[in-house]
Amino acid sequence: MSAPTTLTMYSTTWCGYCRRLKTQLNAEGIDFTEVDIERTPGAADFVMKVNGGNQTVPTLHFPNGTALTNPTLAQVKEQLVA
């Protein structure tokens, strides 16, 4: 999968870690697109590809092509400037 044009968060509706990170990103004014892996065809496949076959969320896909799983806000900010 090619790199997204904006920060993309792969999540589920029931994931507490996803809700926490979304709240933090919104509070910091960091724009992102959210993709529900249970409702979007192919999304779970990407998440499994970057997580050794596991559907671990939140998984973030950055415009530079990298991905992080369950990152802290500090890790997200660091990756956005990398």
PDB file of N, CA and C in Angstrom:
ATOM      1  N   MET A   1       0.851  -1.178   0.000  1.00  0.00           N
ATOM      2  CA  MET A   1       0.000   0.000   0.000  1.00  0.00           C
ATOM      3  C   MET A   1       0.891   1.234   0.000  1.00  0.00           C
ATOM      4  N   SER A   2       0.574   2.181  -0.842  1.00  0.00           N
ATOM      5  CA  SER A   2       1.375   3.396  -0.925  1.00  0.00           C
ATOM      6  C   SER A   2       1.105   4.303   0.272  1.00  0.00           C
ATOM      7  N   ALA A   3       2.004   5.238   0.491  1.00  0.00           N
ATOM      8  CA  ALA A   3       1.879   6.156   1.618  1.00  0.00           C
ATOM      9  C   ALA A   3       0.656   7.048   1.450  1.00  0.00           C
ATOM     10  N   PRO A   4      -0.047   7.313   2.543  1.00  0.00           N
ATOM     11  CA  PRO A   4      -1.207   8.203   2.474  1.00  0.00           C
ATOM     12  C   PRO A   4      -0.762   9.655   2.345  1.00  0.00           C
ATOM     13  N   THR A   5      -1.646  10.523   1.891  1.00  0.00           N
ATOM     14  CA  THR A   5      -1.316  11.946   1.796  1.00  0.00           C
ATOM     15  C   THR A   5      -1.456  12.653   3.135  1.00  0.00           C
ATOM     16  N   THR A   6      -2.232  12.074   4.039  1.00  0.00           N
ATOM     17  CA  THR A   6      -2.363  12.612   5.397  1.00  0.00           C
ATOM     18  C   THR A   6      -2.179  11.476   6.400  1.00  0.00           C
ATOM     19  N   LEU A   7      -1.910  11.826   7.637  1.00  0.00           N
ATOM     20  CA  LEU A   7      -1.803  10.837   8.694  1.00  0.00           C
ATOM     21  C   LEU A   7      -3.089  10.018   8.731  1.00  0.00           C
ATOM     22  N   THR A   8      -2.965   8.698   8.774  1.00  0.00           N
ATOM     23  CA  THR A   8      -4.130   7.820   8.775  1.00  0.00           C
ATOM     24  C   THR A   8      -4.075   6.922   9.999  1.00  0.00           C
ATOM     25  N   MET A   9      -5.186   6.897  10.745  1.00  0.00           N
ATOM     26  CA  MET A   9      -5.284   6.037  11.916  1.00  0.00           C
ATOM     27  C   MET A   9      -6.245   4.896  11.616  1.00  0.00           C
ATOM     28  N   TYR A  10      -5.739   3.678  11.728  1.00  0.00           N
ATOM     29  CA  TYR A  10      -6.573   2.491  11.598  1.00  0.00           C
ATOM     30  C   TYR A  10      -7.052   2.137  12.996  1.00  0.00           C
ATOM     31  N   SER A  11      -8.362   1.973  13.153  1.00  0.00           N
ATOM     32  CA  SER A  11      -8.936   1.790  14.477  1.00  0.00           C
ATOM     33  C   SER A  11     -10.187   0.916  14.419  1.00  0.00           C
ATOM     34  N   THR A  12     -10.805   0.754  15.585  1.00  0.00           N
ATOM     35  CA  THR A  12     -12.124   0.140  15.695  1.00  0.00           C
ATOM     36  C   THR A  12     -12.960   1.031  16.606  1.00  0.00           C
ATOM     37  N   THR A  13     -14.257   0.834  16.593  1.00  0.00           N
ATOM     38  CA  THR A  13     -15.134   1.669  17.426  1.00  0.00           C
ATOM     39  C   THR A  13     -14.987   1.358  18.910  1.00  0.00           C
ATOM     40  N   TRP A  14     -14.576   0.151  19.250  1.00  0.00           N
ATOM     41  CA  TRP A  14     -14.524  -0.281  20.648  1.00  0.00           C
ATOM     42  C   TRP A  14     -13.147  -0.138  21.291  1.00  0.00           C
ATOM     43  N   CYS A  15     -12.166   0.334  20.575  1.00  0.00           N
ATOM     44  CA  CYS A  15     -10.785   0.403  21.063  1.00  0.00           C
ATOM     45  C   CYS A  15     -10.552   1.633  21.946  1.00  0.00           C
ATOM     46  N   GLY A  16     -10.283   1.387  23.221  1.00  0.00           N
ATOM     47  CA  GLY A  16     -10.013   2.483  24.157  1.00  0.00           C
ATOM     48  C   GLY A  16      -8.720   3.224  23.840  1.00  0.00           C
ATOM     49  N   TYR A  17      -7.695   2.506  23.403  1.00  0.00           N
ATOM     50  CA  TYR A  17      -6.425   3.149  23.038  1.00  0.00           C
ATOM     51  C   TYR A  17      -6.621   4.076  21.835  1.00  0.00           C
ATOM     52  N   CYS A  18      -7.498   3.655  20.920  1.00  0.00           N
ATOM     53  CA  CYS A  18      -7.807   4.487  19.749  1.00  0.00           C
ATOM     54  C   CYS A  18      -8.503   5.772  20.186  1.00  0.00           C
ATOM     55  N   ARG A  19      -9.488   5.643  21.053  1.00  0.00           N
ATOM     56  CA  ARG A  19     -10.215   6.832  21.537  1.00  0.00           C
ATOM     57  C   ARG A  19      -9.273   7.805  22.228  1.00  0.00           C
ATOM     58  N   ARG A  20      -8.375   7.269  23.059  1.00  0.00           N
ATOM     59  CA  ARG A  20      -7.432   8.138  23.775  1.00  0.00           C
ATOM     60  C   ARG A  20      -6.529   8.884  22.799  1.00  0.00           C
ATOM     61  N   LEU A  21      -5.970   8.162  21.827  1.00  0.00           N
ATOM     62  CA  LEU A  21      -5.063   8.807  20.880  1.00  0.00           C
ATOM     63  C   LEU A  21      -5.803   9.812  20.004  1.00  0.00           C
ATOM     64  N   LYS A  22      -7.021   9.499  19.587  1.00  0.00           N
ATOM     65  CA  LYS A  22      -7.813  10.457  18.797  1.00  0.00           C
ATOM     66  C   LYS A  22      -8.030  11.744  19.583  1.00  0.00           C
ATOM     67  N   THR A  23      -8.360  11.612  20.864  1.00  0.00           N
ATOM     68  CA  THR A  23      -8.566  12.788  21.717  1.00  0.00           C
ATOM     69  C   THR A  23      -7.295  13.622  21.797  1.00  0.00           C
ATOM     70  N   GLN A  24      -6.162  12.962  21.961  1.00  0.00           N
ATOM     71  CA  GLN A  24      -4.885  13.674  22.051  1.00  0.00           C
ATOM     72  C   GLN A  24      -4.527  14.362  20.738  1.00  0.00           C
ATOM     73  N   LEU A  25      -4.725  13.686  19.630  1.00  0.00           N
ATOM     74  CA  LEU A  25      -4.423  14.279  18.323  1.00  0.00           C
ATOM     75  C   LEU A  25      -5.310  15.497  18.072  1.00  0.00           C
ATOM     76  N   ASN A  26      -6.591  15.369  18.381  1.00  0.00           N
ATOM     77  CA  ASN A  26      -7.513  16.494  18.203  1.00  0.00           C
ATOM     78  C   ASN A  26      -7.123  17.673  19.087  1.00  0.00           C
ATOM     79  N   ALA A  27      -6.740  17.400  20.330  1.00  0.00           N
ATOM     80  CA  ALA A  27      -6.344  18.466  21.255  1.00  0.00           C
ATOM     81  C   ALA A  27      -5.101  19.202  20.768  1.00  0.00           C
ATOM     82  N   GLU A  28      -4.229  18.495  20.060  1.00  0.00           N
ATOM     83  CA  GLU A  28      -2.997  19.095  19.533  1.00  0.00           C
ATOM     84  C   GLU A  28      -3.194  19.712  18.155  1.00  0.00           C
ATOM     85  N   GLY A  29      -4.387  19.547  17.580  1.00  0.00           N
ATOM     86  CA  GLY A  29      -4.655  20.104  16.262  1.00  0.00           C
ATOM     87  C   GLY A  29      -3.992  19.329  15.136  1.00  0.00           C
ATOM     88  N   ILE A  30      -3.716  18.057  15.354  1.00  0.00           N
ATOM     89  CA  ILE A  30      -3.077  17.218  14.336  1.00  0.00           C
ATOM     90  C   ILE A  30      -4.165  16.573  13.488  1.00  0.00           C
ATOM     91  N   ASP A  31      -4.176  16.896  12.212  1.00  0.00           N
ATOM     92  CA  ASP A  31      -5.176  16.347  11.296  1.00  0.00           C
ATOM     93  C   ASP A  31      -4.864  14.892  10.976  1.00  0.00           C
ATOM     94  N   PHE A  32      -5.903  14.092  10.907  1.00  0.00           N
ATOM     95  CA  PHE A  32      -5.740  12.690  10.554  1.00  0.00           C
ATOM     96  C   PHE A  32      -7.037  12.168   9.956  1.00  0.00           C
ATOM     97  N   THR A  33      -6.916  11.098   9.227  1.00  0.00           N
ATOM     98  CA  THR A  33      -8.057  10.392   8.665  1.00  0.00           C
ATOM     99  C   THR A  33      -8.195   9.103   9.450  1.00  0.00           C
ATOM    100  N   GLU A  34      -9.415   8.766   9.826  1.00  0.00           N
ATOM    101  CA  GLU A  34      -9.652   7.534  10.579  1.00  0.00           C
ATOM    102  C   GLU A  34     -10.264   6.480   9.674  1.00  0.00           C
ATOM    103  N   VAL A  35      -9.761   5.253   9.786  1.00  0.00           N
ATOM    104  CA  VAL A  35     -10.253   4.132   8.994  1.00  0.00           C
ATOM    105  C   VAL A  35     -10.615   3.001   9.961  1.00  0.00           C
ATOM    106  N   ASP A  36     -11.877   2.608   9.972  1.00  0.00           N
ATOM    107  CA  ASP A  36     -12.347   1.509  10.821  1.00  0.00           C
ATOM    108  C   ASP A  36     -12.015   0.193  10.117  1.00  0.00           C
ATOM    109  N   ILE A  37     -11.161  -0.609  10.739  1.00  0.00           N
ATOM    110  CA  ILE A  37     -10.718  -1.847  10.077  1.00  0.00           C
ATOM    111  C   ILE A  37     -11.818  -2.898   9.994  1.00  0.00           C
ATOM    112  N   GLU A  38     -12.886  -2.718  10.749  1.00  0.00           N
ATOM    113  CA  GLU A  38     -13.994  -3.671  10.705  1.00  0.00           C
ATOM    114  C   GLU A  38     -15.034  -3.302   9.654  1.00  0.00           C
ATOM    115  N   ARG A  39     -14.939  -2.102   9.125  1.00  0.00           N
ATOM    116  CA  ARG A  39     -15.936  -1.641   8.157  1.00  0.00           C
ATOM    117  C   ARG A  39     -15.366  -1.273   6.795  1.00  0.00           C
ATOM    118  N   THR A  40     -14.057  -1.160   6.704  1.00  0.00           N
ATOM    119  CA  THR A  40     -13.430  -0.718   5.461  1.00  0.00           C
ATOM    120  C   THR A  40     -12.690  -1.885   4.810  1.00  0.00           C
ATOM    121  N   PRO A  41     -13.144  -2.329   3.644  1.00  0.00           N
ATOM    122  CA  PRO A  41     -12.482  -3.449   2.971  1.00  0.00           C
ATOM    123  C   PRO A  41     -10.988  -3.173   2.752  1.00  0.00           C
ATOM    124  N   GLY A  42     -10.166  -4.145   3.078  1.00  0.00           N
ATOM    125  CA  GLY A  42      -8.732  -4.036   2.874  1.00  0.00           C
ATOM    126  C   GLY A  42      -7.972  -3.397   4.025  1.00  0.00           C
ATOM    127  N   ALA A  43      -8.665  -2.684   4.902  1.00  0.00           N
ATOM    128  CA  ALA A  43      -7.981  -1.985   5.992  1.00  0.00           C
ATOM    129  C   ALA A  43      -7.331  -2.962   6.967  1.00  0.00           C
ATOM    130  N   ALA A  44      -8.039  -4.016   7.325  1.00  0.00           N
ATOM    131  CA  ALA A  44      -7.476  -5.007   8.243  1.00  0.00           C
ATOM    132  C   ALA A  44      -6.262  -5.689   7.619  1.00  0.00           C
ATOM    133  N   ASP A  45      -6.275  -5.863   6.315  1.00  0.00           N
ATOM    134  CA  ASP A  45      -5.135  -6.487   5.629  1.00  0.00           C
ATOM    135  C   ASP A  45      -3.871  -5.644   5.802  1.00  0.00           C
ATOM    136  N   PHE A  46      -4.014  -4.310   5.647  1.00  0.00           N
ATOM    137  CA  PHE A  46      -2.865  -3.426   5.836  1.00  0.00           C
ATOM    138  C   PHE A  46      -2.357  -3.523   7.268  1.00  0.00           C
ATOM    139  N   VAL A  47      -3.268  -3.461   8.229  1.00  0.00           N
ATOM    140  CA  VAL A  47      -2.883  -3.513   9.645  1.00  0.00           C
ATOM    141  C   VAL A  47      -2.156  -4.829   9.946  1.00  0.00           C
ATOM    142  N   MET A  48      -2.664  -5.926   9.434  1.00  0.00           N
ATOM    143  CA  MET A  48      -2.014  -7.218   9.657  1.00  0.00           C
ATOM    144  C   MET A  48      -0.639  -7.266   8.995  1.00  0.00           C
ATOM    145  N   LYS A  49      -0.512  -6.643   7.849  1.00  0.00           N
ATOM    146  CA  LYS A  49       0.770  -6.639   7.123  1.00  0.00           C
ATOM    147  C   LYS A  49       1.863  -5.956   7.942  1.00  0.00           C
ATOM    148  N   VAL A  50       1.540  -4.840   8.575  1.00  0.00           N
ATOM    149  CA  VAL A  50       2.560  -4.099   9.318  1.00  0.00           C
ATOM    150  C   VAL A  50       2.693  -4.560  10.768  1.00  0.00           C
ATOM    151  N   ASN A  51       1.829  -5.472  11.205  1.00  0.00           N
ATOM    152  CA  ASN A  51       1.850  -5.949  12.593  1.00  0.00           C
ATOM    153  C   ASN A  51       2.030  -7.459  12.704  1.00  0.00           C
ATOM    154  N   GLY A  52       2.759  -8.032  11.781  1.00  0.00           N
ATOM    155  CA  GLY A  52       3.080  -9.442  11.873  1.00  0.00           C
ATOM    156  C   GLY A  52       1.875 -10.360  11.891  1.00  0.00           C
ATOM    157  N   GLY A  53       0.822  -9.984  11.160  1.00  0.00           N
ATOM    158  CA  GLY A  53      -0.374 -10.806  11.074  1.00  0.00           C
ATOM    159  C   GLY A  53      -1.442 -10.484  12.101  1.00  0.00           C
ATOM    160  N   ASN A  54      -1.174  -9.541  12.993  1.00  0.00           N
ATOM    161  CA  ASN A  54      -2.131  -9.163  14.030  1.00  0.00           C
ATOM    162  C   ASN A  54      -2.934  -7.930  13.639  1.00  0.00           C
ATOM    163  N   GLN A  55      -4.191  -7.893  14.061  1.00  0.00           N
ATOM    164  CA  GLN A  55      -5.043  -6.732  13.808  1.00  0.00           C
ATOM    165  C   GLN A  55      -4.973  -5.783  15.002  1.00  0.00           C
ATOM    166  N   THR A  56      -3.796  -5.254  15.265  1.00  0.00           N
ATOM    167  CA  THR A  56      -3.570  -4.385  16.409  1.00  0.00           C
ATOM    168  C   THR A  56      -3.857  -2.941  16.043  1.00  0.00           C
ATOM    169  N   VAL A  57      -4.698  -2.300  16.850  1.00  0.00           N
ATOM    170  CA  VAL A  57      -5.031  -0.893  16.651  1.00  0.00           C
ATOM    171  C   VAL A  57      -4.828  -0.139  17.963  1.00  0.00           C
ATOM    172  N   PRO A  58      -4.548   1.151  17.904  1.00  0.00           N
ATOM    173  CA  PRO A  58      -4.426   1.942  16.687  1.00  0.00           C
ATOM    174  C   PRO A  58      -3.100   1.681  15.965  1.00  0.00           C
ATOM    175  N   THR A  59      -3.198   1.621  14.667  1.00  0.00           N
ATOM    176  CA  THR A  59      -2.026   1.589  13.800  1.00  0.00           C
ATOM    177  C   THR A  59      -2.078   2.864  12.975  1.00  0.00           C
ATOM    178  N   LEU A  60      -0.996   3.627  13.003  1.00  0.00           N
ATOM    179  CA  LEU A  60      -0.940   4.876  12.257  1.00  0.00           C
ATOM    180  C   LEU A  60      -0.034   4.720  11.049  1.00  0.00           C
ATOM    181  N   HIS A  61      -0.503   5.222   9.913  1.00  0.00           N
ATOM    182  CA  HIS A  61       0.262   5.205   8.662  1.00  0.00           C
ATOM    183  C   HIS A  61       0.574   6.658   8.326  1.00  0.00           C
ATOM    184  N   PHE A  62       1.840   6.963   8.188  1.00  0.00           N
ATOM    185  CA  PHE A  62       2.292   8.337   8.003  1.00  0.00           C
ATOM    186  C   PHE A  62       2.538   8.652   6.530  1.00  0.00           C
ATOM    187  N   PRO A  63       2.458   9.935   6.172  1.00  0.00           N
ATOM    188  CA  PRO A  63       2.706  10.331   4.783  1.00  0.00           C
ATOM    189  C   PRO A  63       4.091   9.935   4.264  1.00  0.00           C
ATOM    190  N   ASN A  64       5.048   9.715   5.157  1.00  0.00           N
ATOM    191  CA  ASN A  64       6.383   9.298   4.704  1.00  0.00           C
ATOM    192  C   ASN A  64       6.454   7.784   4.479  1.00  0.00           C
ATOM    193  N   GLY A  65       5.321   7.082   4.661  1.00  0.00           N
ATOM    194  CA  GLY A  65       5.256   5.657   4.384  1.00  0.00           C
ATOM    195  C   GLY A  65       5.474   4.757   5.584  1.00  0.00           C
ATOM    196  N   THR A  66       5.914   5.311   6.702  1.00  0.00           N
ATOM    197  CA  THR A  66       6.137   4.496   7.891  1.00  0.00           C
ATOM    198  C   THR A  66       4.821   4.240   8.624  1.00  0.00           C
ATOM    199  N   ALA A  67       4.867   3.274   9.535  1.00  0.00           N
ATOM    200  CA  ALA A  67       3.701   2.940  10.347  1.00  0.00           C
ATOM    201  C   ALA A  67       4.138   2.721  11.793  1.00  0.00           C
ATOM    202  N   LEU A  68       3.283   3.113  12.725  1.00  0.00           N
ATOM    203  CA  LEU A  68       3.518   2.866  14.144  1.00  0.00           C
ATOM    204  C   LEU A  68       2.257   2.248  14.733  1.00  0.00           C
ATOM    205  N   THR A  69       2.448   1.332  15.677  1.00  0.00           N
ATOM    206  CA  THR A  69       1.323   0.686  16.338  1.00  0.00           C
ATOM    207  C   THR A  69       1.238   1.147  17.784  1.00  0.00           C
ATOM    208  N   ASN A  70       0.056   1.613  18.165  1.00  0.00           N
ATOM    209  CA  ASN A  70      -0.226   2.110  19.511  1.00  0.00           C
ATOM    210  C   ASN A  70       0.850   3.076  20.006  1.00  0.00           C
ATOM    211  N   PRO A  71       1.157   4.100  19.205  1.00  0.00           N
ATOM    212  CA  PRO A  71       2.208   5.038  19.601  1.00  0.00           C
ATOM    213  C   PRO A  71       1.703   6.042  20.640  1.00  0.00           C
ATOM    214  N   THR A  72       2.655   6.643  21.338  1.00  0.00           N
ATOM    215  CA  THR A  72       2.330   7.764  22.217  1.00  0.00           C
ATOM    216  C   THR A  72       2.168   9.012  21.355  1.00  0.00           C
ATOM    217  N   LEU A  73       1.594  10.040  21.919  1.00  0.00           N
ATOM    218  CA  LEU A  73       1.465  11.303  21.202  1.00  0.00           C
ATOM    219  C   LEU A  73       2.852  11.834  20.823  1.00  0.00           C
ATOM    220  N   ALA A  74       3.813  11.697  21.735  1.00  0.00           N
ATOM    221  CA  ALA A  74       5.180  12.168  21.449  1.00  0.00           C
ATOM    222  C   ALA A  74       5.774  11.424  20.254  1.00  0.00           C
ATOM    223  N   GLN A  75       5.535  10.121  20.164  1.00  0.00           N
ATOM    224  CA  GLN A  75       6.047   9.346  19.034  1.00  0.00           C
ATOM    225  C   GLN A  75       5.404   9.786  17.727  1.00  0.00           C
ATOM    226  N   VAL A  76       4.115  10.098  17.771  1.00  0.00           N
ATOM    227  CA  VAL A  76       3.418  10.577  16.571  1.00  0.00           C
ATOM    228  C   VAL A  76       4.023  11.899  16.117  1.00  0.00           C
ATOM    229  N   LYS A  77       4.196  12.829  17.043  1.00  0.00           N
ATOM    230  CA  LYS A  77       4.757  14.138  16.698  1.00  0.00           C
ATOM    231  C   LYS A  77       6.167  13.990  16.120  1.00  0.00           C
ATOM    232  N   GLU A  78       6.963  13.124  16.736  1.00  0.00           N
ATOM    233  CA  GLU A  78       8.334  12.901  16.267  1.00  0.00           C
ATOM    234  C   GLU A  78       8.326  12.341  14.845  1.00  0.00           C
ATOM    235  N   GLN A  79       7.451  11.400  14.569  1.00  0.00           N
ATOM    236  CA  GLN A  79       7.404  10.786  13.250  1.00  0.00           C
ATOM    237  C   GLN A  79       6.892  11.776  12.185  1.00  0.00           C
ATOM    238  N   LEU A  80       6.024  12.681  12.593  1.00  0.00           N
ATOM    239  CA  LEU A  80       5.491  13.652  11.628  1.00  0.00           C
ATOM    240  C   LEU A  80       6.548  14.626  11.137  1.00  0.00           C
ATOM    241  N   VAL A  81       7.573  14.856  11.931  1.00  0.00           N
ATOM    242  CA  VAL A  81       8.634  15.774  11.506  1.00  0.00           C
ATOM    243  C   VAL A  81       9.828  15.034  10.911  1.00  0.00           C
ATOM    244  N   ALA A  82       9.793  13.716  10.957  1.00  0.00           N
ATOM    245  CA  ALA A  82      10.914  12.916  10.428  1.00  0.00           C
ATOM    246  C   ALA A  82      10.905  12.913   8.917  1.00  0.00           C
TER     247      ALA A  82
END
